[in-house]
Amino acid sequence: ADAETRRYSIQSVLSICQRVGFSEKYNRVNKEMAVLVFEALLCSTEDYGVDKRGDVGSWCRIAAMYALEKISNLAIRASKGLPLINDSEDNEDMFVPELKTRMQFCNVTMVDGQVSMPSHLRDPSILSSKEEYISPDICNRIVGAYIKQLSEKLDNVRENAGRALVAFLTA
């Protein structure tokens, strides 16, 4: 396919993700689809196609970086928490619950030297809801793709990579 078709495909993937959102319910982008979306966009950051117009692959790389920025932000906001890399021996997943869940623990009080929690917080499943749409591996690969593009020759590619990296790190 020509460069314009590839660029429009990337823009279409972004548009679809923005319109339908991320969820395991209601025919939205689920975890498996999210992995495919991120893989396709990361692959697009490696487009170095050239034709008589020059480095037309840069159009795809810029579109992919923009889409990665926006879709990763959507995925982070849709996740019920943030995944963490686990360096422990037990290989049990580590997970930071979403802010709304963490804030509920601010209502914990001490009674007779014991922690007293509201009954709705005693359910252990509140901390095990692992509805996440972006993994630490994908995050590392996105940052790597942005850094690689920061070293490109074209000013507009470097500019877009820097903007996308800052947006990603502050999401």
C-alpha atoms as a PDB file:
ATOM      1  CA  ALA A   1       0.000   0.000   0.000  1.00  0.00           C
ATOM      2  CA  ASP A   2       1.137   3.524  -0.603  1.00  0.00           C
ATOM      3  CA  ALA A   3       2.143   5.871   2.211  1.00  0.00           C
ATOM      4  CA  GLU A   4      -1.094   7.845   2.204  1.00  0.00           C
ATOM      5  CA  THR A   5      -3.158   4.677   2.611  1.00  0.00           C
ATOM      6  CA  ARG A   6      -0.965   3.551   5.511  1.00  0.00           C
ATOM      7  CA  ARG A   7      -1.237   6.970   7.168  1.00  0.00           C
ATOM      8  CA  TYR A   8      -5.039   7.048   6.743  1.00  0.00           C
ATOM      9  CA  SER A   9      -5.227   3.520   8.171  1.00  0.00           C
ATOM     10  CA  ILE A  10      -3.394   4.673  11.289  1.00  0.00           C
ATOM     11  CA  GLN A  11      -5.707   7.661  11.612  1.00  0.00           C
ATOM     12  CA  SER A  12      -8.709   5.349  11.230  1.00  0.00           C
ATOM     13  CA  VAL A  13      -7.495   3.062  14.019  1.00  0.00           C
ATOM     14  CA  LEU A  14      -7.161   6.113  16.264  1.00  0.00           C
ATOM     15  CA  SER A  15     -10.619   7.351  15.321  1.00  0.00           C
ATOM     16  CA  ILE A  16     -12.207   3.963  16.032  1.00  0.00           C
ATOM     17  CA  CYS A  17     -10.528   3.685  19.433  1.00  0.00           C
ATOM     18  CA  GLN A  18     -11.624   7.197  20.357  1.00  0.00           C
ATOM     19  CA  ARG A  19     -15.217   6.539  19.320  1.00  0.00           C
ATOM     20  CA  VAL A  20     -15.787   3.121  20.854  1.00  0.00           C
ATOM     21  CA  GLY A  21     -13.435   3.337  23.836  1.00  0.00           C
ATOM     22  CA  PHE A  22     -11.923   0.531  25.910  1.00  0.00           C
ATOM     23  CA  SER A  23     -14.020  -1.954  27.840  1.00  0.00           C
ATOM     24  CA  GLU A  24     -14.478  -5.682  28.240  1.00  0.00           C
ATOM     25  CA  LYS A  25     -18.209  -5.101  27.740  1.00  0.00           C
ATOM     26  CA  TYR A  26     -20.447  -3.574  25.089  1.00  0.00           C
ATOM     27  CA  ASN A  27     -18.365  -4.462  21.988  1.00  0.00           C
ATOM     28  CA  ARG A  28     -15.606  -1.999  22.739  1.00  0.00           C
ATOM     29  CA  VAL A  29     -11.845  -2.388  22.400  1.00  0.00           C
ATOM     30  CA  ASN A  30     -10.984  -5.226  24.804  1.00  0.00           C
ATOM     31  CA  LYS A  31      -7.580  -6.337  26.138  1.00  0.00           C
ATOM     32  CA  GLU A  32      -6.786  -8.584  23.170  1.00  0.00           C
ATOM     33  CA  MET A  33      -7.745  -5.911  20.642  1.00  0.00           C
ATOM     34  CA  ALA A  34      -5.723  -3.325  22.572  1.00  0.00           C
ATOM     35  CA  VAL A  35      -2.615  -5.494  22.204  1.00  0.00           C
ATOM     36  CA  LEU A  36      -3.219  -5.754  18.449  1.00  0.00           C
ATOM     37  CA  VAL A  37      -3.744  -1.993  18.158  1.00  0.00           C
ATOM     38  CA  PHE A  38      -0.514  -1.222  20.034  1.00  0.00           C
ATOM     39  CA  GLU A  39       1.424  -3.815  18.003  1.00  0.00           C
ATOM     40  CA  ALA A  40       0.186  -2.333  14.720  1.00  0.00           C
ATOM     41  CA  LEU A  41       1.041   1.213  15.784  1.00  0.00           C
ATOM     42  CA  LEU A  42       4.466   0.231  17.087  1.00  0.00           C
ATOM     43  CA  CYS A  43       5.112  -1.539  13.786  1.00  0.00           C
ATOM     44  CA  SER A  44       4.116   1.672  11.978  1.00  0.00           C
ATOM     45  CA  THR A  45       6.816   3.605  13.828  1.00  0.00           C
ATOM     46  CA  GLU A  46       9.284   1.472  11.834  1.00  0.00           C
ATOM     47  CA  ASP A  47       7.984   2.609   8.421  1.00  0.00           C
ATOM     48  CA  TYR A  48      10.928   3.921   6.437  1.00  0.00           C
ATOM     49  CA  GLY A  49       9.316   3.816   3.018  1.00  0.00           C
ATOM     50  CA  VAL A  50      10.781   6.077   0.325  1.00  0.00           C
ATOM     51  CA  ASP A  51       9.430   7.011  -3.086  1.00  0.00           C
ATOM     52  CA  LYS A  52       9.896   9.867  -5.534  1.00  0.00           C
ATOM     53  CA  ARG A  53       8.438  12.243  -2.905  1.00  0.00           C
ATOM     54  CA  GLY A  54      11.164  11.343  -0.419  1.00  0.00           C
ATOM     55  CA  ASP A  55      10.779   9.821   3.038  1.00  0.00           C
ATOM     56  CA  VAL A  56       7.047   9.093   2.885  1.00  0.00           C
ATOM     57  CA  GLY A  57       7.440   6.610   5.734  1.00  0.00           C
ATOM     58  CA  SER A  58       7.874   9.610   8.026  1.00  0.00           C
ATOM     59  CA  TRP A  59       4.201  10.467   7.427  1.00  0.00           C
ATOM     60  CA  CYS A  60       3.265   7.074   8.871  1.00  0.00           C
ATOM     61  CA  ARG A  61       5.737   7.346  11.731  1.00  0.00           C
ATOM     62  CA  ILE A  62       4.344  10.742  12.734  1.00  0.00           C
ATOM     63  CA  ALA A  63       0.756   9.499  12.495  1.00  0.00           C
ATOM     64  CA  ALA A  64       1.679   6.406  14.516  1.00  0.00           C
ATOM     65  CA  MET A  65       3.352   8.458  17.251  1.00  0.00           C
ATOM     66  CA  TYR A  66       0.303  10.710  17.504  1.00  0.00           C
ATOM     67  CA  ALA A  67      -2.026   7.689  17.603  1.00  0.00           C
ATOM     68  CA  LEU A  68       0.127   5.949  20.244  1.00  0.00           C
ATOM     69  CA  GLU A  69      -0.001   9.090  22.371  1.00  0.00           C
ATOM     70  CA  LYS A  70      -3.789   9.396  22.178  1.00  0.00           C
ATOM     71  CA  ILE A  71      -4.634   5.682  22.403  1.00  0.00           C
ATOM     72  CA  SER A  72      -2.259   5.024  25.297  1.00  0.00           C
ATOM     73  CA  ASN A  73      -3.884   7.903  27.167  1.00  0.00           C
ATOM     74  CA  LEU A  74      -7.325   6.372  26.494  1.00  0.00           C
ATOM     75  CA  ALA A  75      -6.084   2.938  27.582  1.00  0.00           C
ATOM     76  CA  ILE A  76      -4.603   4.296  30.804  1.00  0.00           C
ATOM     77  CA  ARG A  77      -7.804   6.168  31.660  1.00  0.00           C
ATOM     78  CA  ALA A  78      -9.974   3.118  30.876  1.00  0.00           C
ATOM     79  CA  SER A  79      -7.842   0.768  32.992  1.00  0.00           C
ATOM     80  CA  LYS A  80      -9.037   0.057  36.504  1.00  0.00           C
ATOM     81  CA  GLY A  81      -5.496   0.507  37.732  1.00  0.00           C
ATOM     82  CA  LEU A  82      -1.929   0.667  36.546  1.00  0.00           C
ATOM     83  CA  PRO A  83       0.167  -2.456  35.949  1.00  0.00           C
ATOM     84  CA  LEU A  84       3.589  -2.603  37.524  1.00  0.00           C
ATOM     85  CA  ILE A  85       6.643  -4.622  36.635  1.00  0.00           C
ATOM     86  CA  ASN A  86       7.073  -7.371  39.194  1.00  0.00           C
ATOM     87  CA  ASP A  87      10.653  -8.127  40.221  1.00  0.00           C
ATOM     88  CA  SER A  88       9.701 -10.396  43.119  1.00  0.00           C
ATOM     89  CA  GLU A  89      10.304 -14.130  43.304  1.00  0.00           C
ATOM     90  CA  ASP A  90       6.634 -15.167  43.583  1.00  0.00           C
ATOM     91  CA  ASN A  91       5.677 -13.964  40.056  1.00  0.00           C
ATOM     92  CA  GLU A  92       2.408 -12.652  41.401  1.00  0.00           C
ATOM     93  CA  ASP A  93       1.154  -9.665  39.429  1.00  0.00           C
ATOM     94  CA  MET A  94       1.515  -6.310  41.103  1.00  0.00           C
ATOM     95  CA  PHE A  95      -1.209  -3.787  40.497  1.00  0.00           C
ATOM     96  CA  VAL A  96      -1.983  -0.249  41.623  1.00  0.00           C
ATOM     97  CA  PRO A  97      -5.752   0.269  41.861  1.00  0.00           C
ATOM     98  CA  GLU A  98      -7.343   3.246  40.148  1.00  0.00           C
ATOM     99  CA  LEU A  99      -7.369   6.533  42.078  1.00  0.00           C
ATOM    100  CA  LYS A 100     -11.083   6.300  42.961  1.00  0.00           C
ATOM    101  CA  THR A 101     -10.471   2.947  44.670  1.00  0.00           C
ATOM    102  CA  ARG A 102      -7.345   4.167  46.457  1.00  0.00           C
ATOM    103  CA  MET A 103      -9.167   7.257  47.737  1.00  0.00           C
ATOM    104  CA  GLN A 104     -11.735   5.054  49.476  1.00  0.00           C
ATOM    105  CA  PHE A 105      -8.963   3.861  51.776  1.00  0.00           C
ATOM    106  CA  CYS A 106      -8.577   7.417  53.061  1.00  0.00           C
ATOM    107  CA  ASN A 107     -11.777   6.743  55.038  1.00  0.00           C
ATOM    108  CA  VAL A 108     -10.024   4.080  57.117  1.00  0.00           C
ATOM    109  CA  THR A 109      -9.968   4.840  60.843  1.00  0.00           C
ATOM    110  CA  MET A 110      -8.278   3.360  63.903  1.00  0.00           C
ATOM    111  CA  VAL A 111     -10.468   1.834  66.596  1.00  0.00           C
ATOM    112  CA  ASP A 112      -8.758   0.415  69.709  1.00  0.00           C
ATOM    113  CA  GLY A 113      -5.454   0.204  67.869  1.00  0.00           C
ATOM    114  CA  GLN A 114      -7.016  -1.764  64.994  1.00  0.00           C
ATOM    115  CA  VAL A 115      -7.725  -0.587  61.464  1.00  0.00           C
ATOM    116  CA  SER A 116     -11.444  -0.159  60.929  1.00  0.00           C
ATOM    117  CA  MET A 117     -12.557  -0.192  57.297  1.00  0.00           C
ATOM    118  CA  PRO A 118     -16.010   0.351  55.877  1.00  0.00           C
ATOM    119  CA  SER A 119     -17.607  -2.988  54.939  1.00  0.00           C
ATOM    120  CA  HIS A 120     -17.483  -2.324  51.193  1.00  0.00           C
ATOM    121  CA  LEU A 121     -13.673  -2.149  51.426  1.00  0.00           C
ATOM    122  CA  ARG A 122     -13.304  -5.537  53.115  1.00  0.00           C
ATOM    123  CA  ASP A 123     -13.956  -7.355  49.846  1.00  0.00           C
ATOM    124  CA  PRO A 124     -10.527  -8.493  48.539  1.00  0.00           C
ATOM    125  CA  SER A 125     -11.731  -8.313  44.939  1.00  0.00           C
ATOM    126  CA  ILE A 126     -11.675  -4.515  45.141  1.00  0.00           C
ATOM    127  CA  LEU A 127      -7.899  -4.634  44.694  1.00  0.00           C
ATOM    128  CA  SER A 128      -7.795  -7.462  42.183  1.00  0.00           C
ATOM    129  CA  SER A 129      -9.778  -5.908  39.356  1.00  0.00           C
ATOM    130  CA  LYS A 130      -7.114  -6.137  36.678  1.00  0.00           C
ATOM    131  CA  GLU A 131      -8.951  -4.512  33.824  1.00  0.00           C
ATOM    132  CA  GLU A 132      -5.874  -3.041  32.176  1.00  0.00           C
ATOM    133  CA  TYR A 133      -5.415  -2.194  28.528  1.00  0.00           C
ATOM    134  CA  ILE A 134      -1.743  -1.298  28.500  1.00  0.00           C
ATOM    135  CA  SER A 135       1.111  -3.386  29.891  1.00  0.00           C
ATOM    136  CA  PRO A 136       4.530  -2.367  31.211  1.00  0.00           C
ATOM    137  CA  ASP A 137       6.075  -4.032  28.131  1.00  0.00           C
ATOM    138  CA  ILE A 138       3.945  -1.934  25.774  1.00  0.00           C
ATOM    139  CA  CYS A 139       4.826   1.199  27.755  1.00  0.00           C
ATOM    140  CA  ASN A 140       8.535   0.406  27.459  1.00  0.00           C
ATOM    141  CA  ARG A 141       8.218  -0.203  23.738  1.00  0.00           C
ATOM    142  CA  ILE A 142       6.281   3.046  23.208  1.00  0.00           C
ATOM    143  CA  VAL A 143       8.951   5.051  25.038  1.00  0.00           C
ATOM    144  CA  GLY A 144      11.634   3.243  23.018  1.00  0.00           C
ATOM    145  CA  ALA A 145       9.853   4.076  19.759  1.00  0.00           C
ATOM    146  CA  TYR A 146       9.603   7.749  20.743  1.00  0.00           C
ATOM    147  CA  ILE A 147      13.272   7.891  21.718  1.00  0.00           C
ATOM    148  CA  LYS A 148      14.289   6.271  18.443  1.00  0.00           C
ATOM    149  CA  GLN A 149      12.296   8.875  16.515  1.00  0.00           C
ATOM    150  CA  LEU A 150      13.962  11.644  18.548  1.00  0.00           C
ATOM    151  CA  SER A 151      17.208  10.735  16.798  1.00  0.00           C
ATOM    152  CA  GLU A 152      15.823  10.976  13.249  1.00  0.00           C
ATOM    153  CA  LYS A 153      17.160  13.464  10.707  1.00  0.00           C
ATOM    154  CA  LEU A 154      13.851  15.157   9.923  1.00  0.00           C
ATOM    155  CA  ASP A 155      12.986  18.065  12.225  1.00  0.00           C
ATOM    156  CA  ASN A 156       9.232  17.425  12.098  1.00  0.00           C
ATOM    157  CA  VAL A 157       9.723  13.771  13.109  1.00  0.00           C
ATOM    158  CA  ARG A 158      11.907  14.770  16.069  1.00  0.00           C
ATOM    159  CA  GLU A 159       9.474  17.507  17.071  1.00  0.00           C
ATOM    160  CA  ASN A 160       6.491  15.129  17.002  1.00  0.00           C
ATOM    161  CA  ALA A 161       8.429  12.452  18.886  1.00  0.00           C
ATOM    162  CA  GLY A 162       9.372  14.898  21.634  1.00  0.00           C
ATOM    163  CA  ARG A 163       5.832  16.201  21.983  1.00  0.00           C
ATOM    164  CA  ALA A 164       4.415  12.668  22.053  1.00  0.00           C
ATOM    165  CA  LEU A 165       6.985  11.491  24.604  1.00  0.00           C
ATOM    166  CA  VAL A 166       6.223  14.376  26.967  1.00  0.00           C
ATOM    167  CA  ALA A 167       2.475  13.768  26.593  1.00  0.00           C
ATOM    168  CA  PHE A 168       2.916  10.044  27.226  1.00  0.00           C
ATOM    169  CA  LEU A 169       5.052  10.534  30.327  1.00  0.00           C
ATOM    170  CA  THR A 170       2.629  13.056  31.804  1.00  0.00           C
ATOM    171  CA  ALA A 171      -0.548  11.052  31.031  1.00  0.00           C
END
